Amino acid sequence: MEPNQAQTGLPEPTDARVLTAAAFYRRPMLAAYDLFVLGMMSRFMWRCPRGRMLAHYDRQVGASHLDIGPGTGWFLDRCNFPVESPNITLLDLNEVALGTATHRIRRYRPEARVGDAFKPFALRSARFDSVGMNFLLHCLPGAMEQKSVVFDHVMPFLRPGARVFGSTVLGDGPHHTQRSTKLLAKLNRSGVFNNLDDRLEDLNEQLHARFTAVETVRSGAVCLFSARFPGPR
């Protein structure tokens, strides 16, 4: 059964709520994203330095890679791909962000696709060795069970043994400081974040329901996750 608002206590992930979260990443915000979000906020508020997330990329990324919500492309620009000329596809609902990341890693000639995490992906016969979802889930509206439909949408495009990985800011809890709790509440009120009830245990459960070799590690208020396809049937 699909979870509804009565079951989860959370508003439904409507198109309007999805667009609100995506629309935040306009050119002025993207211009400051690397320094402000990945640099300052990740290190001092969420207490997970971007260097740790980059190391997570290096361990997981494959020769044929799909990145969902690539931001400015900072991680893709710096990570160590296992081949000199990786095959990269970028997918995002926000065309400005998509264009920014595409231009940044243009040396790899990535393919850009506009897509919504809550809807099946139009990727034709593409198959990937890895899928990255860095700082994606905490932006998606709904409960973790609802957000995790994005895992279902990538599964038809995964090669056996492919890695699905990323990071997400966790919801309210003891892993937050007083300052980060206030910022978390503010971001959720604005609709940029939708993660007050996101728990590591719930993400772990959703990953185990679909994949194998699941790893979830908390760094400050951030969960770094990875899993391998195929999952149990």
Protein backbone atom coordinates (compact mmCIF):
# COMPACT_ATOMS: atom_id res chain seq x y z
CA MET A 1 0.00 0.00 0.00
CA GLU A 2 1.25 3.49 -0.81
CA PRO A 3 1.72 5.66 2.28
CA ASN A 4 -0.68 8.59 2.54
CA GLN A 5 -0.81 11.64 4.77
CA ALA A 6 -2.95 9.88 7.36
CA GLN A 7 -0.42 7.07 7.65
CA THR A 8 2.73 9.20 7.75
CA GLY A 9 1.47 12.40 9.35
CA LEU A 10 3.26 14.30 6.58
CA PRO A 11 1.90 16.25 3.60
CA GLU A 12 1.80 14.46 0.27
CA PRO A 13 4.76 15.05 -2.10
CA THR A 14 2.68 17.05 -4.58
CA ASP A 15 4.13 18.57 -7.74
CA ALA A 16 3.93 22.01 -6.13
CA ARG A 17 6.01 20.94 -3.12
CA VAL A 18 8.56 19.22 -5.34
CA LEU A 19 8.89 22.34 -7.50
CA THR A 20 9.24 24.59 -4.43
CA ALA A 21 12.28 22.63 -3.26
CA ALA A 22 13.82 22.55 -6.73
CA ALA A 23 13.21 26.23 -7.49
CA PHE A 24 15.43 27.37 -4.61
CA TYR A 25 18.52 26.58 -6.65
CA ARG A 26 18.56 29.62 -8.91
CA ARG A 27 21.71 31.24 -10.33
CA PRO A 28 22.46 33.48 -7.29
CA MET A 29 22.23 30.49 -4.94
CA LEU A 30 24.22 28.26 -7.25
CA ALA A 31 26.95 30.90 -7.44
CA ALA A 32 27.39 30.64 -3.67
CA TYR A 33 26.60 26.95 -3.33
CA ASP A 34 30.12 25.54 -3.28
CA LEU A 35 31.36 27.94 -0.62
CA PHE A 36 28.21 28.43 1.44
CA VAL A 37 26.39 25.08 1.31
CA LEU A 38 29.19 22.59 0.66
CA GLY A 39 31.87 24.57 2.43
CA MET A 40 30.44 26.38 5.44
CA MET A 41 27.08 24.72 6.14
CA SER A 42 28.27 21.17 5.58
CA ARG A 43 31.28 21.65 7.83
CA PHE A 44 29.98 23.89 10.59
CA MET A 45 26.23 23.23 10.68
CA TRP A 46 25.79 19.62 9.56
CA ARG A 47 29.33 18.68 10.71
CA CYS A 48 30.14 16.61 7.66
CA PRO A 49 32.92 18.26 5.62
CA ARG A 50 32.59 18.11 1.87
CA GLY A 51 35.94 16.30 1.76
CA ARG A 52 34.35 13.34 3.50
CA MET A 53 31.51 13.30 0.98
CA LEU A 54 34.04 13.53 -1.85
CA ALA A 55 35.89 10.51 -0.44
CA HIS A 56 32.52 8.72 -0.40
CA TYR A 57 32.16 9.51 -4.12
CA ASP A 58 35.65 8.21 -4.84
CA ARG A 59 34.85 4.85 -3.23
CA GLN A 60 31.53 4.35 -5.07
CA VAL A 61 31.56 6.04 -8.48
CA GLY A 62 31.70 3.85 -11.57
CA ALA A 63 32.67 4.14 -15.22
CA SER A 64 29.05 4.69 -16.29
CA HIS A 65 27.45 7.04 -13.79
CA LEU A 66 24.06 8.65 -13.24
CA ASP A 67 23.93 11.63 -10.89
CA ILE A 68 20.52 12.74 -9.65
CA GLY A 69 20.44 16.29 -8.31
CA PRO A 70 24.09 17.04 -9.16
CA GLY A 71 24.01 20.59 -7.72
CA THR A 72 26.84 22.60 -9.25
CA GLY A 73 28.77 19.47 -10.21
CA TRP A 74 31.41 20.09 -7.51
CA PHE A 75 31.78 16.40 -6.61
CA LEU A 76 31.76 15.18 -10.20
CA ASP A 77 34.39 17.77 -11.07
CA ARG A 78 36.72 16.49 -8.34
CA CYS A 79 36.01 12.80 -7.83
CA ASN A 80 38.29 10.05 -9.12
CA PHE A 81 36.47 8.09 -11.80
CA PRO A 82 37.84 4.59 -12.43
CA VAL A 83 38.32 5.38 -16.13
CA GLU A 84 39.72 8.37 -17.99
CA SER A 85 36.55 8.99 -20.00
CA PRO A 86 33.50 8.07 -17.90
CA ASN A 87 30.00 7.98 -19.34
CA ILE A 88 28.01 10.46 -17.22
CA THR A 89 24.31 11.29 -17.21
CA LEU A 90 22.94 14.14 -15.09
CA LEU A 91 19.29 14.28 -14.04
CA ASP A 92 17.57 17.17 -12.29
CA LEU A 93 14.18 18.88 -12.26
CA ASN A 94 15.86 22.29 -12.11
CA GLU A 95 17.17 23.19 -15.57
CA VAL A 96 19.40 25.98 -14.26
CA ALA A 97 21.19 23.62 -11.87
CA LEU A 98 21.35 20.99 -14.58
CA GLY A 99 22.97 23.44 -16.98
CA THR A 100 25.44 24.59 -14.35
CA ALA A 101 26.65 21.07 -13.58
CA THR A 102 26.71 20.09 -17.26
CA HIS A 103 28.89 23.08 -18.15
CA ARG A 104 31.24 22.47 -15.24
CA ILE A 105 32.08 18.91 -16.29
CA ARG A 106 31.79 19.53 -20.02
CA ARG A 107 35.17 17.86 -20.52
CA TYR A 108 33.36 14.55 -19.92
CA ARG A 109 30.57 15.41 -22.39
CA PRO A 110 27.78 14.46 -19.99
CA GLU A 111 24.21 13.83 -21.09
CA ALA A 112 21.70 16.09 -19.32
CA ARG A 113 18.14 14.97 -18.61
CA VAL A 114 15.31 16.89 -16.95
CA GLY A 115 13.55 14.54 -14.57
CA ASP A 116 11.47 14.34 -11.41
CA ALA A 117 12.58 11.88 -8.68
CA PHE A 118 8.92 10.99 -8.06
CA LYS A 119 8.27 9.94 -11.66
CA PRO A 120 9.79 7.16 -13.80
CA PHE A 121 12.94 8.24 -15.62
CA ALA A 122 13.04 8.49 -19.41
CA LEU A 123 16.54 7.05 -19.86
CA ARG A 124 15.72 4.56 -22.62
CA SER A 125 18.26 1.70 -22.70
CA ALA A 126 20.89 3.37 -20.48
CA ARG A 127 22.62 1.19 -17.90
CA PHE A 128 24.81 2.46 -15.08
CA ASP A 129 27.55 1.17 -12.80
CA SER A 130 26.76 3.79 -10.16
CA VAL A 131 24.09 6.30 -9.18
CA GLY A 132 24.84 9.30 -6.96
CA MET A 133 22.24 11.15 -4.90
CA ASN A 134 24.19 13.69 -2.91
CA PHE A 135 22.06 16.01 -0.73
CA LEU A 136 18.94 14.92 -2.63
CA LEU A 137 16.68 13.04 -0.21
CA HIS A 138 16.43 15.80 2.39
CA CYS A 139 14.99 18.08 -0.29
CA LEU A 140 12.28 15.64 -1.39
CA PRO A 141 8.87 16.03 0.29
CA GLY A 142 7.12 13.22 2.12
CA ALA A 143 8.14 10.44 4.47
CA MET A 144 11.26 8.36 3.79
CA GLU A 145 9.07 5.60 2.38
CA GLN A 146 7.69 8.07 -0.18
CA LYS A 147 11.06 9.60 -1.03
CA SER A 148 12.53 6.15 -1.60
CA VAL A 149 10.51 5.73 -4.79
CA VAL A 150 13.58 7.31 -6.42
CA PHE A 151 15.39 4.02 -5.73
CA ASP A 152 12.65 2.15 -7.59
CA HIS A 153 13.00 4.52 -10.52
CA VAL A 154 16.73 3.90 -10.92
CA MET A 155 16.61 0.11 -10.58
CA PRO A 156 15.63 -0.60 -14.24
CA PHE A 157 18.81 1.20 -15.33
CA LEU A 158 21.33 -0.52 -13.05
CA ARG A 159 23.86 -3.11 -14.12
CA PRO A 160 24.39 -6.09 -11.81
CA GLY A 161 26.65 -5.00 -8.98
CA ALA A 162 25.97 -1.30 -9.52
CA ARG A 163 26.38 1.02 -6.55
CA VAL A 164 23.67 3.43 -5.38
CA PHE A 165 25.06 6.01 -2.98
CA GLY A 166 24.75 9.50 -1.60
CA SER A 167 24.31 11.64 1.47
CA THR A 168 21.39 13.34 3.18
CA VAL A 169 20.88 15.63 6.14
CA LEU A 170 18.91 13.79 8.82
CA GLY A 171 15.83 15.16 10.56
CA ASP A 172 15.43 16.51 14.06
CA GLY A 173 17.27 14.56 16.76
CA PRO A 174 20.24 14.45 19.17
CA HIS A 175 22.69 14.43 16.24
CA HIS A 176 21.83 18.10 15.70
CA THR A 177 23.29 21.02 17.64
CA GLN A 178 21.19 23.91 18.89
CA ARG A 179 22.26 26.01 15.91
CA SER A 180 21.67 23.32 13.31
CA THR A 181 18.24 22.53 14.82
CA LYS A 182 17.18 26.14 14.28
CA LEU A 183 18.51 26.15 10.72
CA LEU A 184 16.82 22.83 10.01
CA ALA A 185 13.46 24.20 11.18
CA LYS A 186 13.89 27.34 9.05
CA LEU A 187 14.76 25.38 5.90
CA ASN A 188 11.76 23.11 6.42
CA ARG A 189 9.40 26.07 6.89
CA SER A 190 10.60 27.50 3.59
CA GLY A 191 10.09 24.20 1.75
CA VAL A 192 13.73 23.98 0.66
CA PHE A 193 14.21 21.00 3.00
CA ASN A 194 11.54 18.41 3.76
CA ASN A 195 13.28 16.22 6.29
CA LEU A 196 12.23 16.92 9.88
CA ASP A 197 11.13 13.31 10.30
CA ASP A 198 13.90 11.67 8.27
CA ARG A 199 15.66 9.01 10.33
CA LEU A 200 18.73 6.95 9.50
CA GLU A 201 16.87 3.79 10.55
CA ASP A 202 14.09 4.46 8.03
CA LEU A 203 16.54 5.04 5.18
CA ASN A 204 18.40 1.89 6.16
CA GLU A 205 15.12 -0.07 6.04
CA GLN A 206 14.23 1.26 2.58
CA LEU A 207 17.66 0.42 1.19
CA HIS A 208 17.62 -3.10 2.64
CA ALA A 209 14.21 -3.69 1.03
CA ARG A 210 15.74 -3.16 -2.41
CA PHE A 211 19.50 -3.73 -2.36
CA THR A 212 22.35 -5.70 -0.84
CA ALA A 213 25.59 -4.67 0.89
CA VAL A 214 23.83 -1.69 2.46
CA GLU A 215 25.97 0.73 4.48
CA THR A 216 24.66 3.78 6.35
CA VAL A 217 27.11 5.86 8.35
CA ARG A 218 26.33 9.04 10.27
CA SER A 219 28.75 11.96 10.15
CA GLY A 220 27.41 14.74 12.34
CA ALA A 221 23.84 15.30 11.16
CA VAL A 222 24.48 13.71 7.74
CA CYS A 223 23.93 10.10 6.70
CA LEU A 224 26.34 8.74 4.09
CA PHE A 225 24.77 5.71 2.43
CA SER A 226 25.66 3.13 -0.19
CA ALA A 227 24.12 -0.10 -1.47
CA ARG A 228 24.62 -2.63 -4.23
CA PHE A 229 22.21 -3.84 -6.92
CA PRO A 230 20.59 -6.34 -7.26
CA GLY A 231 18.67 -6.35 -4.03
CA PRO A 232 16.59 -9.15 -2.58
CA ARG A 233 13.50 -10.24 -4.48
